[in-house]
């Protein structure tokens, strides 16, 4: 997995410092942390590195929580779309070979 995660900022960011991104199973339950990003006063982006592994087969959404210097919000915003792996492998097979069955009859 990997790519740009876009977070539409809070209406008012006066009491927050940034956002924490977690994997989620589609509920308000947090999975493993993906990363943190500081507020910018507008739309925020986080670059999830290519090759990031999903911690659980059930964690196919993201959830974002606002954070301050003191704590994290108790409720987050869950992504509505399922996170799918669209990473194409770079490695190709080295070769292919065939053998002929000389004992076959028609």
N, C-alpha and C. Protein backbone atom coordinates (compact mmCIF):
# COMPACT_ATOMS: atom_id res chain seq x y z
N UNK A 1 0.84 -1.17 0.00
CA UNK A 1 0.00 0.00 0.00
C UNK A 1 0.88 1.23 0.00
N UNK A 2 0.33 2.34 -0.42
CA UNK A 2 1.06 3.60 -0.42
C UNK A 2 0.34 4.63 -1.25
N UNK A 3 0.64 5.88 -1.02
CA UNK A 3 0.05 6.97 -1.77
C UNK A 3 -0.28 8.15 -0.89
N UNK A 4 -0.92 9.13 -1.50
CA UNK A 4 -1.25 10.36 -0.80
C UNK A 4 -2.59 10.21 -0.09
N UNK A 5 -2.61 10.52 1.20
CA UNK A 5 -3.83 10.57 1.99
C UNK A 5 -4.18 12.05 2.15
N UNK A 6 -5.38 12.43 1.75
CA UNK A 6 -5.81 13.82 1.84
C UNK A 6 -6.82 13.95 2.97
N UNK A 7 -6.58 14.91 3.85
CA UNK A 7 -7.46 15.16 4.99
C UNK A 7 -8.04 16.56 4.84
N UNK A 8 -9.35 16.65 4.76
CA UNK A 8 -10.01 17.96 4.75
C UNK A 8 -10.00 18.48 6.18
N UNK A 9 -9.37 19.62 6.37
CA UNK A 9 -9.14 20.13 7.71
C UNK A 9 -10.43 20.40 8.47
N UNK A 10 -10.31 20.47 9.81
CA UNK A 10 -11.43 20.80 10.68
C UNK A 10 -11.93 22.21 10.38
N UNK A 11 -13.21 22.46 10.62
CA UNK A 11 -13.77 23.80 10.38
C UNK A 11 -13.00 24.85 11.16
N UNK A 12 -12.71 24.54 12.42
CA UNK A 12 -11.87 25.42 13.23
C UNK A 12 -10.70 24.60 13.75
N UNK A 13 -9.50 25.06 13.49
CA UNK A 13 -8.30 24.36 13.97
C UNK A 13 -7.66 25.09 15.16
N UNK A 14 -8.41 25.96 15.79
CA UNK A 14 -7.84 26.78 16.87
C UNK A 14 -7.42 25.96 18.09
N UNK A 15 -8.06 24.81 18.30
CA UNK A 15 -7.73 24.02 19.49
C UNK A 15 -7.02 22.71 19.16
N UNK A 16 -6.54 22.58 17.94
CA UNK A 16 -5.82 21.35 17.58
C UNK A 16 -4.45 21.69 16.98
N UNK A 17 -3.57 20.70 17.01
CA UNK A 17 -2.23 20.85 16.44
C UNK A 17 -2.07 20.08 15.14
N UNK A 18 -2.88 19.04 14.96
CA UNK A 18 -2.74 18.23 13.76
C UNK A 18 -3.68 17.05 13.78
N UNK A 19 -3.28 16.01 13.06
CA UNK A 19 -4.14 14.84 12.86
C UNK A 19 -3.30 13.57 12.95
N UNK A 20 -3.91 12.51 13.47
CA UNK A 20 -3.27 11.20 13.50
C UNK A 20 -4.09 10.25 12.64
N UNK A 21 -3.42 9.49 11.79
CA UNK A 21 -4.06 8.57 10.85
C UNK A 21 -3.80 7.14 11.30
N UNK A 22 -4.86 6.35 11.35
CA UNK A 22 -4.78 4.95 11.74
C UNK A 22 -5.45 4.07 10.69
N UNK A 23 -5.09 2.80 10.69
CA UNK A 23 -5.87 1.80 9.96
C UNK A 23 -7.15 1.58 10.75
N UNK A 24 -8.22 1.15 10.08
CA UNK A 24 -9.49 0.89 10.75
C UNK A 24 -10.23 -0.22 10.03
N UNK A 25 -11.13 -0.86 10.74
CA UNK A 25 -11.97 -1.90 10.13
C UNK A 25 -13.27 -1.32 9.57
N UNK A 26 -13.36 0.00 9.50
CA UNK A 26 -14.56 0.65 8.98
C UNK A 26 -15.47 1.16 10.07
N UNK A 27 -15.13 0.86 11.32
CA UNK A 27 -15.88 1.38 12.46
C UNK A 27 -15.06 2.52 13.06
N UNK A 28 -15.46 3.01 14.20
CA UNK A 28 -14.72 4.07 14.88
C UNK A 28 -13.56 3.50 15.70
N UNK A 29 -13.22 2.24 15.47
CA UNK A 29 -12.15 1.56 16.19
C UNK A 29 -10.80 1.81 15.51
N UNK A 30 -9.80 2.22 16.31
CA UNK A 30 -8.45 2.45 15.80
C UNK A 30 -7.69 1.14 15.65
N UNK A 31 -6.97 1.02 14.55
CA UNK A 31 -6.02 -0.06 14.37
C UNK A 31 -4.62 0.50 14.58
N UNK A 32 -3.67 -0.02 13.86
CA UNK A 32 -2.28 0.45 13.96
C UNK A 32 -2.14 1.87 13.40
N UNK A 33 -1.24 2.63 13.99
CA UNK A 33 -1.01 4.00 13.54
C UNK A 33 -0.28 4.01 12.20
N UNK A 34 -0.69 4.90 11.33
CA UNK A 34 -0.01 5.10 10.04
C UNK A 34 0.94 6.29 10.15
N UNK A 35 0.45 7.39 10.72
CA UNK A 35 1.32 8.56 10.86
C UNK A 35 0.59 9.76 11.42
N UNK A 36 1.36 10.82 11.62
CA UNK A 36 0.84 12.10 12.11
C UNK A 36 1.16 13.19 11.10
N UNK A 37 0.30 14.18 11.06
CA UNK A 37 0.54 15.34 10.20
C UNK A 37 0.07 16.58 10.94
N UNK A 38 0.82 17.65 10.83
CA UNK A 38 0.48 18.89 11.51
C UNK A 38 -0.54 19.67 10.69
N UNK A 39 -1.33 20.49 11.37
CA UNK A 39 -2.32 21.31 10.67
C UNK A 39 -1.61 22.33 9.79
N UNK A 40 -2.31 22.76 8.74
CA UNK A 40 -1.74 23.73 7.81
C UNK A 40 -2.66 24.94 7.61
N UNK A 41 -3.87 24.87 8.18
CA UNK A 41 -4.84 25.92 7.94
C UNK A 41 -5.68 25.64 6.70
N UNK A 42 -5.45 24.49 6.10
CA UNK A 42 -6.19 24.08 4.90
C UNK A 42 -6.14 22.57 4.78
N UNK A 43 -6.36 22.09 3.59
CA UNK A 43 -6.31 20.65 3.33
C UNK A 43 -4.91 20.14 3.64
N UNK A 44 -4.84 18.99 4.31
CA UNK A 44 -3.57 18.41 4.74
C UNK A 44 -3.35 17.11 3.97
N UNK A 45 -2.11 16.84 3.60
CA UNK A 45 -1.80 15.58 2.94
C UNK A 45 -0.72 14.83 3.70
N UNK A 46 -0.79 13.53 3.60
CA UNK A 46 0.22 12.64 4.20
C UNK A 46 0.63 11.64 3.13
N UNK A 47 1.91 11.47 2.94
CA UNK A 47 2.42 10.53 1.95
C UNK A 47 2.71 9.19 2.62
N UNK A 48 1.80 8.23 2.45
CA UNK A 48 2.03 6.90 2.99
C UNK A 48 3.02 6.20 2.05
N UNK A 49 4.18 5.80 2.56
CA UNK A 49 5.21 5.21 1.69
C UNK A 49 4.73 3.94 0.98
N UNK A 50 5.11 3.81 -0.27
CA UNK A 50 4.83 2.60 -1.03
C UNK A 50 5.45 1.41 -0.31
N UNK A 51 4.70 0.33 -0.23
CA UNK A 51 5.19 -0.86 0.46
C UNK A 51 4.71 -0.94 1.90
N UNK A 52 3.92 0.06 2.36
CA UNK A 52 3.35 0.01 3.70
C UNK A 52 2.45 -1.22 3.79
N UNK A 53 2.60 -2.00 4.83
CA UNK A 53 1.79 -3.21 4.98
C UNK A 53 0.56 -2.94 5.82
N UNK A 54 -0.51 -3.58 5.44
CA UNK A 54 -1.77 -3.50 6.19
C UNK A 54 -1.66 -4.46 7.36
N UNK A 55 -1.93 -4.02 8.60
CA UNK A 55 -1.70 -4.86 9.77
C UNK A 55 -2.68 -6.02 9.92
N UNK A 56 -3.87 -5.90 9.36
CA UNK A 56 -4.88 -6.94 9.52
C UNK A 56 -5.73 -7.00 8.26
N UNK A 57 -6.22 -8.18 7.94
CA UNK A 57 -7.08 -8.34 6.77
C UNK A 57 -8.36 -7.52 6.92
N UNK A 58 -8.80 -7.27 8.15
CA UNK A 58 -10.02 -6.49 8.40
C UNK A 58 -9.80 -4.98 8.33
N UNK A 59 -8.55 -4.55 8.41
CA UNK A 59 -8.26 -3.11 8.38
C UNK A 59 -8.19 -2.65 6.92
N UNK A 60 -9.34 -2.28 6.36
CA UNK A 60 -9.37 -1.86 4.97
C UNK A 60 -9.95 -0.45 4.81
N UNK A 61 -9.90 0.33 5.89
CA UNK A 61 -10.29 1.73 5.89
C UNK A 61 -9.24 2.52 6.66
N UNK A 62 -9.36 3.83 6.60
CA UNK A 62 -8.53 4.72 7.41
C UNK A 62 -9.45 5.46 8.37
N UNK A 63 -8.89 5.87 9.51
CA UNK A 63 -9.62 6.73 10.45
C UNK A 63 -8.65 7.81 10.91
N UNK A 64 -9.16 9.04 10.98
CA UNK A 64 -8.32 10.20 11.33
C UNK A 64 -8.89 10.86 12.57
N UNK A 65 -8.00 11.16 13.51
CA UNK A 65 -8.36 11.85 14.76
C UNK A 65 -7.63 13.18 14.84
N UNK A 66 -8.31 14.21 15.33
CA UNK A 66 -7.65 15.49 15.63
C UNK A 66 -6.83 15.31 16.89
N UNK A 67 -5.69 15.98 16.95
CA UNK A 67 -4.83 15.91 18.13
C UNK A 67 -4.45 17.32 18.58
N UNK A 68 -4.20 17.44 19.88
CA UNK A 68 -3.63 18.67 20.43
C UNK A 68 -2.37 18.27 21.18
N UNK A 69 -1.73 19.23 21.79
CA UNK A 69 -0.53 18.93 22.56
C UNK A 69 -0.82 18.10 23.79
N UNK A 70 -2.09 17.97 24.15
CA UNK A 70 -2.48 17.29 25.37
C UNK A 70 -3.13 15.93 25.16
N UNK A 71 -3.91 15.81 24.08
CA UNK A 71 -4.64 14.56 23.90
C UNK A 71 -5.13 14.42 22.46
N UNK A 72 -5.81 13.33 22.25
CA UNK A 72 -6.40 13.02 20.94
C UNK A 72 -7.92 13.01 21.10
N UNK A 73 -8.64 13.45 20.06
CA UNK A 73 -10.10 13.43 20.10
C UNK A 73 -10.60 12.01 20.34
N UNK A 74 -11.75 11.87 20.97
CA UNK A 74 -12.29 10.54 21.27
C UNK A 74 -13.03 9.93 20.07
N UNK A 75 -13.38 10.75 19.09
CA UNK A 75 -14.08 10.27 17.90
C UNK A 75 -13.29 10.69 16.68
N UNK A 76 -13.22 9.78 15.73
CA UNK A 76 -12.51 10.08 14.49
C UNK A 76 -13.44 10.06 13.30
N UNK A 77 -12.88 10.36 12.14
CA UNK A 77 -13.60 10.31 10.89
C UNK A 77 -13.07 9.13 10.09
N UNK A 78 -13.97 8.20 9.73
CA UNK A 78 -13.60 6.99 9.01
C UNK A 78 -13.74 7.22 7.51
N UNK A 79 -12.78 6.73 6.73
CA UNK A 79 -12.89 6.84 5.28
C UNK A 79 -14.09 6.04 4.79
N UNK A 80 -14.79 6.58 3.81
CA UNK A 80 -15.97 5.90 3.28
C UNK A 80 -15.60 4.86 2.23
N UNK A 81 -14.43 5.00 1.64
CA UNK A 81 -14.02 4.04 0.62
C UNK A 81 -13.07 3.00 1.20
N UNK A 82 -13.13 1.82 0.63
CA UNK A 82 -12.25 0.73 1.05
C UNK A 82 -10.86 0.96 0.45
N UNK A 83 -9.85 0.72 1.26
CA UNK A 83 -8.48 0.85 0.79
C UNK A 83 -8.10 -0.44 0.08
N UNK A 84 -7.74 -0.32 -1.18
CA UNK A 84 -7.38 -1.48 -2.00
C UNK A 84 -5.92 -1.38 -2.37
N UNK A 85 -5.27 -2.51 -2.52
CA UNK A 85 -3.88 -2.55 -2.94
C UNK A 85 -3.82 -2.45 -4.46
N UNK A 86 -3.29 -1.35 -4.95
CA UNK A 86 -3.15 -1.19 -6.40
C UNK A 86 -1.68 -1.09 -6.78
N UNK A 87 -0.83 -1.65 -5.96
CA UNK A 87 0.60 -1.63 -6.19
C UNK A 87 0.96 -2.72 -7.18
N UNK A 88 1.54 -2.34 -8.28
CA UNK A 88 1.94 -3.31 -9.28
C UNK A 88 3.35 -3.81 -8.98
N UNK A 89 3.55 -5.11 -9.00
CA UNK A 89 4.89 -5.63 -8.73
C UNK A 89 5.86 -5.24 -9.84
N UNK A 90 7.09 -4.93 -9.45
CA UNK A 90 8.14 -4.58 -10.41
C UNK A 90 8.91 -5.80 -10.88
N UNK A 91 8.89 -6.87 -10.12
CA UNK A 91 9.68 -8.06 -10.45
C UNK A 91 8.95 -8.90 -11.49
N UNK A 92 9.70 -9.29 -12.50
CA UNK A 92 9.16 -10.15 -13.55
C UNK A 92 9.78 -11.53 -13.45
N UNK A 93 9.11 -12.54 -13.97
CA UNK A 93 9.73 -13.86 -14.00
C UNK A 93 11.02 -13.80 -14.81
N UNK A 94 12.00 -14.61 -14.44
CA UNK A 94 13.27 -14.61 -15.16
C UNK A 94 13.16 -15.32 -16.50
N UNK A 95 12.36 -16.38 -16.55
CA UNK A 95 12.23 -17.11 -17.81
C UNK A 95 11.04 -18.06 -17.72
N UNK A 96 10.74 -18.66 -18.85
CA UNK A 96 9.72 -19.69 -18.92
C UNK A 96 10.22 -20.76 -19.88
N UNK A 97 9.92 -22.01 -19.59
CA UNK A 97 10.36 -23.08 -20.49
C UNK A 97 9.27 -24.13 -20.59
N UNK A 98 9.32 -24.87 -21.63
CA UNK A 98 8.37 -25.96 -21.83
C UNK A 98 9.13 -27.20 -22.26
N UNK A 99 8.52 -28.33 -22.05
CA UNK A 99 9.09 -29.58 -22.55
C UNK A 99 8.01 -30.30 -23.34
N UNK A 100 8.42 -31.04 -24.32
CA UNK A 100 7.49 -31.78 -25.15
C UNK A 100 7.40 -33.20 -24.66
N UNK A 101 6.17 -33.69 -24.54
CA UNK A 101 5.95 -35.06 -24.14
C UNK A 101 6.06 -35.93 -25.41
N UNK A 102 7.18 -36.62 -25.57
CA UNK A 102 7.41 -37.42 -26.77
C UNK A 102 6.74 -38.78 -26.70
N UNK A 103 6.14 -39.12 -25.58
CA UNK A 103 5.46 -40.42 -25.46
C UNK A 103 3.98 -40.34 -25.75
N UNK A 104 3.47 -39.14 -25.97
CA UNK A 104 2.03 -38.96 -26.21
C UNK A 104 1.65 -39.55 -27.57
N UNK A 105 0.48 -40.15 -27.64
CA UNK A 105 -0.04 -40.68 -28.90
C UNK A 105 -1.35 -39.96 -29.23
N UNK A 106 -1.67 -39.96 -30.51
CA UNK A 106 -2.93 -39.32 -30.92
C UNK A 106 -3.97 -40.31 -31.31
